[in-house]
Amino acid sequence: QVQLVESGGGLVQAGGSLRLSCAASGITFSMYRMGWYRQAPGKQRELVAVITSSSSTNYGDSAKGRFTISRDNAKNTVYLQMNSLKPEDTAVYYCNAYRWRNDWGQGTQVTVSS
């Protein structure tokens, strides 16, 4: 069975940084497109960043220039480095794995204070 476990969330001041990790099991990790999505209260889930099996990356507009997604296939882990955080980045951040279907982690809370 697929398991995606996020870690690294927490409380940070505006302008600060956080690094999220997602450890995957139950999949052939290197074959999957991995991603990070987020959902703020009262809003729909939105794309933050994705990274393909060949390490090509794409970012949502709100993340571009501030966040970096990366993967370590030897560790079955995908990361999201978040810099210059803003209060509007406050959300639950979810790890995603896609090949034939989407799988999701349980999420990790990121709160950015003013």
Protein backbone atom coordinates (compact mmCIF):
# COMPACT_ATOMS: atom_id res chain seq x y z
CA GLN A 1 0.00 0.00 0.00
CA VAL A 2 1.06 3.54 -0.72
CA GLN A 3 2.21 5.68 2.15
CA LEU A 4 3.30 9.32 1.94
CA VAL A 5 4.43 10.93 5.17
CA GLU A 6 5.06 14.66 5.32
CA SER A 7 7.23 16.37 7.89
CA GLY A 8 8.87 19.72 8.51
CA GLY A 9 5.87 21.97 8.92
CA GLY A 10 5.52 24.43 11.73
CA LEU A 11 5.24 28.06 12.72
CA VAL A 12 7.53 30.62 11.13
CA GLN A 13 7.64 34.39 10.90
CA ALA A 14 7.07 36.20 7.63
CA GLY A 15 10.27 36.26 5.63
CA GLY A 16 11.49 33.02 7.15
CA SER A 17 12.10 29.59 5.65
CA LEU A 18 10.96 26.02 6.08
CA ARG A 19 11.95 22.76 4.43
CA LEU A 20 9.25 20.14 4.02
CA SER A 21 9.97 16.46 3.43
CA CYS A 22 7.79 13.66 2.13
CA ALA A 23 8.91 10.06 2.57
CA ALA A 24 7.25 7.61 0.21
CA SER A 25 6.79 3.87 0.45
CA GLY A 26 4.75 1.31 -1.47
CA ILE A 27 5.66 2.77 -4.86
CA THR A 28 8.56 2.57 -7.27
CA PHE A 29 9.46 6.10 -6.34
CA SER A 30 11.74 6.97 -9.26
CA MET A 31 8.92 6.30 -11.75
CA TYR A 32 6.47 8.75 -10.16
CA ARG A 33 5.80 12.40 -10.62
CA MET A 34 5.89 13.90 -7.14
CA GLY A 35 4.35 17.12 -6.00
CA TRP A 36 3.35 19.47 -3.26
CA TYR A 37 -0.12 20.99 -3.01
CA ARG A 38 -1.62 23.17 -0.34
CA GLN A 39 -5.03 24.01 1.03
CA ALA A 40 -5.81 27.06 3.10
CA PRO A 41 -9.00 27.37 5.16
CA GLY A 42 -11.99 28.05 2.93
CA LYS A 43 -10.00 27.60 -0.27
CA GLN A 44 -9.52 24.83 -2.81
CA ARG A 45 -6.40 22.72 -2.92
CA GLU A 46 -3.83 24.30 -5.23
CA LEU A 47 -0.61 23.29 -6.92
CA VAL A 48 2.59 24.45 -5.28
CA ALA A 49 5.21 22.48 -7.20
CA VAL A 50 5.72 19.24 -9.09
CA ILE A 51 8.81 17.32 -10.11
CA THR A 52 8.79 14.61 -12.77
CA SER A 53 10.65 11.32 -12.86
CA SER A 54 13.32 13.06 -14.94
CA SER A 55 13.53 15.93 -12.41
CA SER A 56 11.81 18.52 -14.54
CA THR A 57 9.98 21.01 -12.29
CA ASN A 58 6.94 23.24 -12.49
CA TYR A 59 5.61 25.71 -9.95
CA GLY A 60 2.37 27.39 -9.17
CA ASP A 61 2.39 31.15 -9.60
CA SER A 62 2.47 31.81 -5.87
CA ALA A 63 5.54 29.62 -5.38
CA LYS A 64 7.64 30.59 -8.37
CA GLY A 65 10.86 32.32 -7.38
CA ARG A 66 10.51 31.49 -3.68
CA PHE A 67 10.10 27.72 -3.41
CA THR A 68 12.23 24.87 -4.73
CA ILE A 69 11.14 21.26 -5.15
CA SER A 70 13.70 18.48 -5.29
CA ARG A 71 13.85 14.71 -4.97
CA ASP A 72 16.27 12.10 -3.71
CA ASN A 73 15.41 8.81 -5.36
CA ALA A 74 17.87 6.89 -3.18
CA LYS A 75 15.90 8.02 -0.12
CA ASN A 76 12.43 7.85 -1.71
CA THR A 77 11.93 11.42 -0.55
CA VAL A 78 10.73 14.65 -2.10
CA TYR A 79 11.47 18.03 -0.56
CA LEU A 80 10.05 21.52 -0.70
CA GLN A 81 12.35 24.35 0.29
CA MET A 82 10.26 27.41 1.10
CA ASN A 83 11.93 30.79 1.40
CA SER A 84 10.62 34.33 1.88
CA LEU A 85 7.45 32.99 3.42
CA LYS A 86 4.35 35.15 3.55
CA PRO A 87 1.24 34.93 5.73
CA GLU A 88 -0.73 33.88 2.65
CA ASP A 89 1.43 30.74 2.47
CA THR A 90 -0.34 29.50 5.59
CA ALA A 91 -2.00 26.20 4.68
CA VAL A 92 -1.86 22.47 5.07
CA TYR A 93 0.74 21.18 2.63
CA TYR A 94 0.10 17.79 1.03
CA CYS A 95 2.51 15.45 -0.69
CA ASN A 96 1.30 13.93 -3.95
CA ALA A 97 2.46 10.94 -5.99
CA TYR A 98 1.16 10.36 -9.50
CA ARG A 99 1.62 7.73 -12.12
CA TRP A 100 -1.66 6.07 -12.99
CA ARG A 101 -3.57 7.62 -10.12
CA ASN A 102 -3.03 10.20 -7.42
CA ASP A 103 -1.96 9.31 -3.91
CA TRP A 104 -1.86 11.80 -1.08
CA GLY A 105 -0.23 12.21 2.28
CA GLN A 106 -2.08 13.40 5.36
CA GLY A 107 -0.55 16.86 5.22
CA THR A 108 1.62 19.04 7.38
CA GLN A 109 0.58 22.43 8.73
CA VAL A 110 2.56 25.51 7.78
CA THR A 111 1.69 28.71 9.59
CA VAL A 112 3.36 32.01 8.71
CA SER A 113 2.85 34.82 11.18
CA SER A 114 3.03 38.56 10.57
